[in-house]
Amino acid sequence: MLYTVSRSPYHDDFNAMLGLVSDTDDVLLIQNGVLLGINENRYLAELLRRGAGIYALKEDLDARGLFAQISDRVKVVDYSGFVSLTVKHQQNFAW
């Protein structure tokens, strides 16, 4: 499953999502959800333990001036990468 995270983990019940994510899933950070991908973020560390692929949309990182602060464990993708992830997963859950 592809999880798209568009809200800050500080404004959501992020722990509920953590209970759903597994190592066969991918998580795409978009809009304010890219805050989750910042280095030293405690929520990112918890998500990495789940083994899911973690991606962040480059355009949203750039718009927020966060590109230099993103963890090297997060793969940065453009809109083509976004489309590829949606094709890869038949199911999508927006968070």
PDB file of N, CA and C in Angstrom:
ATOM      1  N   MET A   1       0.835  -1.173   0.000  1.00  0.00           N
ATOM      2  CA  MET A   1       0.000   0.000   0.000  1.00  0.00           C
ATOM      3  C   MET A   1       0.885   1.242   0.000  1.00  0.00           C
ATOM      4  N   LEU A   2       0.393   2.284  -0.641  1.00  0.00           N
ATOM      5  CA  LEU A   2       1.064   3.577  -0.624  1.00  0.00           C
ATOM      6  C   LEU A   2       0.322   4.490   0.345  1.00  0.00           C
ATOM      7  N   TYR A   3       1.049   5.008   1.321  1.00  0.00           N
ATOM      8  CA  TYR A   3       0.500   5.989   2.250  1.00  0.00           C
ATOM      9  C   TYR A   3       1.019   7.352   1.829  1.00  0.00           C
ATOM     10  N   THR A   4       0.121   8.294   1.579  1.00  0.00           N
ATOM     11  CA  THR A   4       0.528   9.665   1.292  1.00  0.00           C
ATOM     12  C   THR A   4       0.244  10.493   2.545  1.00  0.00           C
ATOM     13  N   VAL A   5       1.282  11.146   3.035  1.00  0.00           N
ATOM     14  CA  VAL A   5       1.177  11.940   4.260  1.00  0.00           C
ATOM     15  C   VAL A   5       1.277  13.407   3.862  1.00  0.00           C
ATOM     16  N   SER A   6       0.183  14.139   4.039  1.00  0.00           N
ATOM     17  CA  SER A   6       0.154  15.539   3.622  1.00  0.00           C
ATOM     18  C   SER A   6       0.125  16.519   4.786  1.00  0.00           C
ATOM     19  N   ARG A   7       0.028  15.993   6.013  1.00  0.00           N
ATOM     20  CA  ARG A   7      -0.025  16.870   7.181  1.00  0.00           C
ATOM     21  C   ARG A   7       1.177  16.620   8.081  1.00  0.00           C
ATOM     22  N   SER A   8       1.523  17.618   8.820  1.00  0.00           N
ATOM     23  CA  SER A   8       2.620  17.518   9.779  1.00  0.00           C
ATOM     24  C   SER A   8       2.322  16.406  10.786  1.00  0.00           C
ATOM     25  N   PRO A   9       3.329  15.618  11.155  1.00  0.00           N
ATOM     26  CA  PRO A   9       3.086  14.577  12.154  1.00  0.00           C
ATOM     27  C   PRO A   9       2.730  15.155  13.520  1.00  0.00           C
ATOM     28  N   TYR A  10       2.994  16.433  13.720  1.00  0.00           N
ATOM     29  CA  TYR A  10       2.674  17.086  14.989  1.00  0.00           C
ATOM     30  C   TYR A  10       1.207  17.500  15.084  1.00  0.00           C
ATOM     31  N   HIS A  11       0.477  17.441  13.970  1.00  0.00           N
ATOM     32  CA  HIS A  11      -0.934  17.817  13.948  1.00  0.00           C
ATOM     33  C   HIS A  11      -1.837  16.641  13.617  1.00  0.00           C
ATOM     34  N   ASP A  12      -1.343  15.443  13.762  1.00  0.00           N
ATOM     35  CA  ASP A  12      -2.100  14.264  13.377  1.00  0.00           C
ATOM     36  C   ASP A  12      -1.861  13.159  14.389  1.00  0.00           C
ATOM     37  N   ASP A  13      -2.674  12.141  14.349  1.00  0.00           N
ATOM     38  CA  ASP A  13      -2.446  10.973  15.187  1.00  0.00           C
ATOM     39  C   ASP A  13      -1.515  10.040  14.425  1.00  0.00           C
ATOM     40  N   PHE A  14      -0.269  10.420  14.385  1.00  0.00           N
ATOM     41  CA  PHE A  14       0.716   9.696  13.593  1.00  0.00           C
ATOM     42  C   PHE A  14       0.923   8.272  14.101  1.00  0.00           C
ATOM     43  N   ASN A  15       0.775   8.060  15.400  1.00  0.00           N
ATOM     44  CA  ASN A  15       0.951   6.721  15.952  1.00  0.00           C
ATOM     45  C   ASN A  15      -0.061   5.730  15.388  1.00  0.00           C
ATOM     46  N   ALA A  16      -1.243   6.191  15.043  1.00  0.00           N
ATOM     47  CA  ALA A  16      -2.247   5.314  14.439  1.00  0.00           C
ATOM     48  C   ALA A  16      -1.762   4.813  13.078  1.00  0.00           C
ATOM     49  N   MET A  17      -1.145   5.699  12.298  1.00  0.00           N
ATOM     50  CA  MET A  17      -0.621   5.280  11.004  1.00  0.00           C
ATOM     51  C   MET A  17       0.535   4.302  11.179  1.00  0.00           C
ATOM     52  N   LEU A  18       1.378   4.539  12.163  1.00  0.00           N
ATOM     53  CA  LEU A  18       2.516   3.649  12.391  1.00  0.00           C
ATOM     54  C   LEU A  18       2.066   2.211  12.615  1.00  0.00           C
ATOM     55  N   GLY A  19       0.917   2.040  13.225  1.00  0.00           N
ATOM     56  CA  GLY A  19       0.397   0.706  13.462  1.00  0.00           C
ATOM     57  C   GLY A  19      -0.028  -0.010  12.198  1.00  0.00           C
ATOM     58  N   LEU A  20      -0.195   0.729  11.108  1.00  0.00           N
ATOM     59  CA  LEU A  20      -0.644   0.142   9.839  1.00  0.00           C
ATOM     60  C   LEU A  20       0.495  -0.149   8.867  1.00  0.00           C
ATOM     61  N   VAL A  21       1.570   0.601   8.945  1.00  0.00           N
ATOM     62  CA  VAL A  21       2.650   0.536   7.956  1.00  0.00           C
ATOM     63  C   VAL A  21       3.515  -0.704   8.170  1.00  0.00           C
ATOM     64  N   SER A  22       3.843  -1.377   7.055  1.00  0.00           N
ATOM     65  CA  SER A  22       4.723  -2.554   7.121  1.00  0.00           C
ATOM     66  C   SER A  22       5.866  -2.408   6.125  1.00  0.00           C
ATOM     67  N   ASP A  23       6.723  -3.405   6.097  1.00  0.00           N
ATOM     68  CA  ASP A  23       7.892  -3.347   5.224  1.00  0.00           C
ATOM     69  C   ASP A  23       7.556  -3.553   3.748  1.00  0.00           C
ATOM     70  N   THR A  24       6.318  -3.853   3.417  1.00  0.00           N
ATOM     71  CA  THR A  24       5.914  -3.980   2.012  1.00  0.00           C
ATOM     72  C   THR A  24       5.279  -2.698   1.492  1.00  0.00           C
ATOM     73  N   ASP A  25       5.165  -1.698   2.351  1.00  0.00           N
ATOM     74  CA  ASP A  25       4.514  -0.437   1.991  1.00  0.00           C
ATOM     75  C   ASP A  25       5.526   0.637   1.628  1.00  0.00           C
ATOM     76  N   ASP A  26       5.015   1.682   0.998  1.00  0.00           N
ATOM     77  CA  ASP A  26       5.777   2.902   0.753  1.00  0.00           C
ATOM     78  C   ASP A  26       5.005   4.066   1.350  1.00  0.00           C
ATOM     79  N   VAL A  27       5.752   5.065   1.817  1.00  0.00           N
ATOM     80  CA  VAL A  27       5.160   6.269   2.397  1.00  0.00           C
ATOM     81  C   VAL A  27       5.692   7.457   1.607  1.00  0.00           C
ATOM     82  N   LEU A  28       4.781   8.253   1.061  1.00  0.00           N
ATOM     83  CA  LEU A  28       5.156   9.439   0.302  1.00  0.00           C
ATOM     84  C   LEU A  28       4.774  10.682   1.089  1.00  0.00           C
ATOM     85  N   LEU A  29       5.750  11.516   1.380  1.00  0.00           N
ATOM     86  CA  LEU A  29       5.550  12.750   2.126  1.00  0.00           C
ATOM     87  C   LEU A  29       5.308  13.885   1.146  1.00  0.00           C
ATOM     88  N   ILE A  30       4.159  14.528   1.275  1.00  0.00           N
ATOM     89  CA  ILE A  30       3.800  15.645   0.401  1.00  0.00           C
ATOM     90  C   ILE A  30       3.310  16.808   1.262  1.00  0.00           C
ATOM     91  N   GLN A  31       3.218  17.974   0.663  1.00  0.00           N
ATOM     92  CA  GLN A  31       2.749  19.181   1.347  1.00  0.00           C
ATOM     93  C   GLN A  31       3.453  19.319   2.697  1.00  0.00           C
ATOM     94  N   ASN A  32       2.733  19.561   3.784  1.00  0.00           N
ATOM     95  CA  ASN A  32       3.376  19.708   5.093  1.00  0.00           C
ATOM     96  C   ASN A  32       3.858  18.379   5.670  1.00  0.00           C
ATOM     97  N   GLY A  33       3.487  17.288   5.041  1.00  0.00           N
ATOM     98  CA  GLY A  33       3.971  15.983   5.470  1.00  0.00           C
ATOM     99  C   GLY A  33       5.475  15.836   5.312  1.00  0.00           C
ATOM    100  N   VAL A  34       6.107  16.687   4.479  1.00  0.00           N
ATOM    101  CA  VAL A  34       7.560  16.602   4.306  1.00  0.00           C
ATOM    102  C   VAL A  34       8.299  16.928   5.607  1.00  0.00           C
ATOM    103  N   LEU A  35       7.628  17.550   6.564  1.00  0.00           N
ATOM    104  CA  LEU A  35       8.253  17.822   7.866  1.00  0.00           C
ATOM    105  C   LEU A  35       8.660  16.524   8.557  1.00  0.00           C
ATOM    106  N   LEU A  36       7.979  15.452   8.237  1.00  0.00           N
ATOM    107  CA  LEU A  36       8.298  14.150   8.810  1.00  0.00           C
ATOM    108  C   LEU A  36       9.685  13.668   8.397  1.00  0.00           C
ATOM    109  N   GLY A  37      10.175  14.105   7.246  1.00  0.00           N
ATOM    110  CA  GLY A  37      11.449  13.637   6.721  1.00  0.00           C
ATOM    111  C   GLY A  37      12.676  14.389   7.181  1.00  0.00           C
ATOM    112  N   ILE A  38      12.518  15.347   8.071  1.00  0.00           N
ATOM    113  CA  ILE A  38      13.650  16.145   8.551  1.00  0.00           C
ATOM    114  C   ILE A  38      14.548  15.295   9.442  1.00  0.00           C
ATOM    115  N   ASN A  39      15.849  15.498   9.324  1.00  0.00           N
ATOM    116  CA  ASN A  39      16.823  14.807  10.171  1.00  0.00           C
ATOM    117  C   ASN A  39      16.451  14.922  11.638  1.00  0.00           C
ATOM    118  N   GLU A  40      16.725  13.863  12.385  1.00  0.00           N
ATOM    119  CA  GLU A  40      16.522  13.824  13.835  1.00  0.00           C
ATOM    120  C   GLU A  40      15.060  13.878  14.262  1.00  0.00           C
ATOM    121  N   ASN A  41      14.126  13.721  13.351  1.00  0.00           N
ATOM    122  CA  ASN A  41      12.705  13.728  13.694  1.00  0.00           C
ATOM    123  C   ASN A  41      12.358  12.401  14.361  1.00  0.00           C
ATOM    124  N   ARG A  42      11.789  12.441  15.537  1.00  0.00           N
ATOM    125  CA  ARG A  42      11.486  11.204  16.271  1.00  0.00           C
ATOM    126  C   ARG A  42      10.466  10.338  15.546  1.00  0.00           C
ATOM    127  N   TYR A  43       9.537  10.953  14.843  1.00  0.00           N
ATOM    128  CA  TYR A  43       8.552  10.182  14.099  1.00  0.00           C
ATOM    129  C   TYR A  43       9.191   9.470  12.911  1.00  0.00           C
ATOM    130  N   LEU A  44      10.162  10.111  12.293  1.00  0.00           N
ATOM    131  CA  LEU A  44      10.864   9.479  11.179  1.00  0.00           C
ATOM    132  C   LEU A  44      11.587   8.226  11.662  1.00  0.00           C
ATOM    133  N   ALA A  45      12.230   8.304  12.800  1.00  0.00           N
ATOM    134  CA  ALA A  45      12.938   7.145  13.348  1.00  0.00           C
ATOM    135  C   ALA A  45      11.979   5.980  13.567  1.00  0.00           C
ATOM    136  N   GLU A  46      10.788   6.259  14.063  1.00  0.00           N
ATOM    137  CA  GLU A  46       9.793   5.208  14.280  1.00  0.00           C
ATOM    138  C   GLU A  46       9.319   4.619  12.965  1.00  0.00           C
ATOM    139  N   LEU A  47       9.131   5.466  11.976  1.00  0.00           N
ATOM    140  CA  LEU A  47       8.690   4.997  10.661  1.00  0.00           C
ATOM    141  C   LEU A  47       9.776   4.150   9.991  1.00  0.00           C
ATOM    142  N   LEU A  48      11.017   4.545  10.126  1.00  0.00           N
ATOM    143  CA  LEU A  48      12.119   3.776   9.539  1.00  0.00           C
ATOM    144  C   LEU A  48      12.192   2.370  10.130  1.00  0.00           C
ATOM    145  N   ARG A  49      11.852   2.218  11.385  1.00  0.00           N
ATOM    146  CA  ARG A  49      11.855   0.892  12.016  1.00  0.00           C
ATOM    147  C   ARG A  49      10.829  -0.050  11.398  1.00  0.00           C
ATOM    148  N   ARG A  50       9.816   0.492  10.766  1.00  0.00           N
ATOM    149  CA  ARG A  50       8.786  -0.333  10.124  1.00  0.00           C
ATOM    150  C   ARG A  50       9.285  -0.960   8.826  1.00  0.00           C
ATOM    151  N   GLY A  51      10.350  -0.403   8.243  1.00  0.00           N
ATOM    152  CA  GLY A  51      10.937  -0.968   7.036  1.00  0.00           C
ATOM    153  C   GLY A  51      10.292  -0.534   5.733  1.00  0.00           C
ATOM    154  N   ALA A  52       9.355   0.365   5.783  1.00  0.00           N
ATOM    155  CA  ALA A  52       8.700   0.856   4.564  1.00  0.00           C
ATOM    156  C   ALA A  52       9.642   1.777   3.793  1.00  0.00           C
ATOM    157  N   GLY A  53       9.422   1.890   2.498  1.00  0.00           N
ATOM    158  CA  GLY A  53      10.141   2.871   1.695  1.00  0.00           C
ATOM    159  C   GLY A  53       9.586   4.250   2.002  1.00  0.00           C
ATOM    160  N   ILE A  54      10.463   5.218   2.187  1.00  0.00           N
ATOM    161  CA  ILE A  54      10.018   6.566   2.532  1.00  0.00           C
ATOM    162  C   ILE A  54      10.497   7.530   1.452  1.00  0.00           C
ATOM    163  N   TYR A  55       9.559   8.279   0.910  1.00  0.00           N
ATOM    164  CA  TYR A  55       9.817   9.207  -0.184  1.00  0.00           C
ATOM    165  C   TYR A  55       9.274  10.580   0.182  1.00  0.00           C
ATOM    166  N   ALA A  56       9.890  11.621  -0.367  1.00  0.00           N
ATOM    167  CA  ALA A  56       9.396  12.989  -0.180  1.00  0.00           C
ATOM    168  C   ALA A  56       9.363  13.683  -1.536  1.00  0.00           C
ATOM    169  N   LEU A  57       8.329  14.458  -1.752  1.00  0.00           N
ATOM    170  CA  LEU A  57       8.175  15.178  -3.014  1.00  0.00           C
ATOM    171  C   LEU A  57       9.100  16.392  -3.044  1.00  0.00           C
ATOM    172  N   LYS A  58       9.981  16.421  -4.015  1.00  0.00           N
ATOM    173  CA  LYS A  58      10.999  17.467  -4.140  1.00  0.00           C
ATOM    174  C   LYS A  58      10.387  18.868  -4.183  1.00  0.00           C
ATOM    175  N   GLU A  59       9.331  19.019  -4.940  1.00  0.00           N
ATOM    176  CA  GLU A  59       8.718  20.334  -5.087  1.00  0.00           C
ATOM    177  C   GLU A  59       8.212  20.876  -3.748  1.00  0.00           C
ATOM    178  N   ASP A  60       7.691  20.005  -2.901  1.00  0.00           N
ATOM    179  CA  ASP A  60       7.207  20.455  -1.594  1.00  0.00           C
ATOM    180  C   ASP A  60       8.362  20.752  -0.639  1.00  0.00           C
ATOM    181  N   LEU A  61       9.453  19.989  -0.757  1.00  0.00           N
ATOM    182  CA  LEU A  61      10.648  20.302   0.036  1.00  0.00           C
ATOM    183  C   LEU A  61      11.204  21.671  -0.354  1.00  0.00           C
ATOM    184  N   ASP A  62      11.304  21.902  -1.666  1.00  0.00           N
ATOM    185  CA  ASP A  62      11.813  23.184  -2.163  1.00  0.00           C
ATOM    186  C   ASP A  62      10.924  24.349  -1.731  1.00  0.00           C
ATOM    187  N   ALA A  63       9.616  24.162  -1.811  1.00  0.00           N
ATOM    188  CA  ALA A  63       8.676  25.235  -1.470  1.00  0.00           C
ATOM    189  C   ALA A  63       8.793  25.636   0.000  1.00  0.00           C
ATOM    190  N   ARG A  64       9.215  24.698   0.841  1.00  0.00           N
ATOM    191  CA  ARG A  64       9.334  24.966   2.270  1.00  0.00           C
ATOM    192  C   ARG A  64      10.774  25.215   2.710  1.00  0.00           C
ATOM    193  N   GLY A  65      11.702  25.194   1.767  1.00  0.00           N
ATOM    194  CA  GLY A  65      13.106  25.436   2.080  1.00  0.00           C
ATOM    195  C   GLY A  65      13.725  24.346   2.948  1.00  0.00           C
ATOM    196  N   LEU A  66      13.263  23.106   2.789  1.00  0.00           N
ATOM    197  CA  LEU A  66      13.701  22.009   3.656  1.00  0.00           C
ATOM    198  C   LEU A  66      14.617  21.002   2.974  1.00  0.00           C
ATOM    199  N   PHE A  67      14.933  21.220   1.725  1.00  0.00           N
ATOM    200  CA  PHE A  67      15.702  20.218   0.983  1.00  0.00           C
ATOM    201  C   PHE A  67      17.010  19.859   1.678  1.00  0.00           C
ATOM    202  N   ALA A  68      17.719  20.826   2.212  1.00  0.00           N
ATOM    203  CA  ALA A  68      19.010  20.568   2.861  1.00  0.00           C
ATOM    204  C   ALA A  68      18.859  19.867   4.209  1.00  0.00           C
ATOM    205  N   GLN A  69      17.655  19.888   4.781  1.00  0.00           N
ATOM    206  CA  GLN A  69      17.442  19.306   6.107  1.00  0.00           C
ATOM    207  C   GLN A  69      16.849  17.899   6.068  1.00  0.00           C
ATOM    208  N   ILE A  70      16.567  17.399   4.874  1.00  0.00           N
ATOM    209  CA  ILE A  70      15.918  16.096   4.752  1.00  0.00           C
ATOM    210  C   ILE A  70      16.906  14.974   5.052  1.00  0.00           C
ATOM    211  N   SER A  71      16.444  13.944   5.709  1.00  0.00           N
ATOM    212  CA  SER A  71      17.283  12.796   6.056  1.00  0.00           C
ATOM    213  C   SER A  71      17.766  12.086   4.796  1.00  0.00           C
ATOM    214  N   ASP A  72      18.968  11.540   4.854  1.00  0.00           N
ATOM    215  CA  ASP A  72      19.468  10.787   3.706  1.00  0.00           C
ATOM    216  C   ASP A  72      18.786   9.424   3.590  1.00  0.00           C
ATOM    217  N   ARG A  73      17.962   9.063   4.544  1.00  0.00           N
ATOM    218  CA  ARG A  73      17.181   7.819   4.494  1.00  0.00           C
ATOM    219  C   ARG A  73      15.871   8.002   3.733  1.00  0.00           C
ATOM    220  N   VAL A  74      15.544   9.251   3.385  1.00  0.00           N
ATOM    221  CA  VAL A  74      14.334   9.572   2.640  1.00  0.00           C
ATOM    222  C   VAL A  74      14.712   9.788   1.185  1.00  0.00           C
ATOM    223  N   LYS A  75      14.038   9.080   0.303  1.00  0.00           N
ATOM    224  CA  LYS A  75      14.295   9.229  -1.136  1.00  0.00           C
ATOM    225  C   LYS A  75      13.471  10.399  -1.658  1.00  0.00           C
ATOM    226  N   VAL A  76      14.118  11.310  -2.336  1.00  0.00           N
ATOM    227  CA  VAL A  76      13.437  12.481  -2.878  1.00  0.00           C
ATOM    228  C   VAL A  76      13.005  12.168  -4.308  1.00  0.00           C
ATOM    229  N   VAL A  77      11.714  12.409  -4.600  1.00  0.00           N
ATOM    230  CA  VAL A  77      11.167  12.144  -5.927  1.00  0.00           C
ATOM    231  C   VAL A  77      10.470  13.387  -6.461  1.00  0.00           C
ATOM    232  N   ASP A  78      10.358  13.446  -7.772  1.00  0.00           N
ATOM    233  CA  ASP A  78       9.591  14.515  -8.413  1.00  0.00           C
ATOM    234  C   ASP A  78       8.190  13.972  -8.729  1.00  0.00           C
ATOM    235  N   TYR A  79       7.422  14.717  -9.509  1.00  0.00           N
ATOM    236  CA  TYR A  79       6.060  14.271  -9.813  1.00  0.00           C
ATOM    237  C   TYR A  79       6.037  12.965 -10.607  1.00  0.00           C
ATOM    238  N   SER A  80       7.034  12.723 -11.441  1.00  0.00           N
ATOM    239  CA  SER A  80       7.112  11.448 -12.157  1.00  0.00           C
ATOM    240  C   SER A  80       7.295  10.289 -11.177  1.00  0.00           C
ATOM    241  N   GLY A  81       8.105  10.520 -10.144  1.00  0.00           N
ATOM    242  CA  GLY A  81       8.276   9.513  -9.105  1.00  0.00           C
ATOM    243  C   GLY A  81       6.994   9.273  -8.325  1.00  0.00           C
ATOM    244  N   PHE A  82       6.244  10.336  -8.106  1.00  0.00           N
ATOM    245  CA  PHE A  82       4.940  10.246  -7.442  1.00  0.00           C
ATOM    246  C   PHE A  82       4.027   9.321  -8.254  1.00  0.00           C
ATOM    247  N   VAL A  83       3.984   9.555  -9.547  1.00  0.00           N
ATOM    248  CA  VAL A  83       3.150   8.734 -10.431  1.00  0.00           C
ATOM    249  C   VAL A  83       3.625   7.282 -10.405  1.00  0.00           C
ATOM    250  N   SER A  84       4.923   7.059 -10.440  1.00  0.00           N
ATOM    251  CA  SER A  84       5.461   5.697 -10.406  1.00  0.00           C
ATOM    252  C   SER A  84       5.038   4.959  -9.130  1.00  0.00           C
ATOM    253  N   LEU A  85       5.044   5.662  -8.007  1.00  0.00           N
ATOM    254  CA  LEU A  85       4.612   5.042  -6.753  1.00  0.00           C
ATOM    255  C   LEU A  85       3.129   4.684  -6.782  1.00  0.00           C
ATOM    256  N   THR A  86       2.306   5.537  -7.380  1.00  0.00           N
ATOM    257  CA  THR A  86       0.877   5.230  -7.446  1.00  0.00           C
ATOM    258  C   THR A  86       0.604   4.063  -8.394  1.00  0.00           C
ATOM    259  N   VAL A  87       1.417   3.924  -9.431  1.00  0.00           N
ATOM    260  CA  VAL A  87       1.275   2.782 -10.343  1.00  0.00           C
ATOM    261  C   VAL A  87       1.723   1.493  -9.649  1.00  0.00           C
ATOM    262  N   LYS A  88       2.773   1.577  -8.863  1.00  0.00           N
ATOM    263  CA  LYS A  88       3.322   0.413  -8.160  1.00  0.00           C
ATOM    264  C   LYS A  88       2.320  -0.181  -7.167  1.00  0.00           C
ATOM    265  N   HIS A  89       1.547   0.684  -6.523  1.00  0.00           N
ATOM    266  CA  HIS A  89       0.619   0.242  -5.473  1.00  0.00           C
ATOM    267  C   HIS A  89      -0.824   0.379  -5.951  1.00  0.00           C
ATOM    268  N   GLN A  90      -1.561  -0.713  -5.882  1.00  0.00           N
ATOM    269  CA  GLN A  90      -2.967  -0.669  -6.275  1.00  0.00           C
ATOM    270  C   GLN A  90      -3.822   0.052  -5.238  1.00  0.00           C
ATOM    271  N   GLN A  91      -3.361   0.061  -3.989  1.00  0.00           N
ATOM    272  CA  GLN A  91      -4.115   0.723  -2.932  1.00  0.00           C
ATOM    273  C   GLN A  91      -3.327   1.926  -2.413  1.00  0.00           C
ATOM    274  N   ASN A  92      -4.080   2.988  -2.114  1.00  0.00           N
ATOM    275  CA  ASN A  92      -3.481   4.213  -1.607  1.00  0.00           C
ATOM    276  C   ASN A  92      -4.314   4.685  -0.423  1.00  0.00           C
ATOM    277  N   PHE A  93      -3.613   5.108   0.627  1.00  0.00           N
ATOM    278  CA  PHE A  93      -4.283   5.642   1.805  1.00  0.00           C
ATOM    279  C   PHE A  93      -3.725   7.024   2.076  1.00  0.00           C
ATOM    280  N   ALA A  94      -4.585   8.036   1.999  1.00  0.00           N
ATOM    281  CA  ALA A  94      -4.161   9.410   2.242  1.00  0.00           C
ATOM    282  C   ALA A  94      -4.250   9.699   3.732  1.00  0.00           C
ATOM    283  N   TRP A  95      -3.171  10.209   4.298  1.00  0.00           N
ATOM    284  CA  TRP A  95      -3.119  10.484   5.725  1.00  0.00           C
ATOM    285  C   TRP A  95      -2.956  11.961   5.970  1.00  0.00           C
TER     286      TRP A  95
END
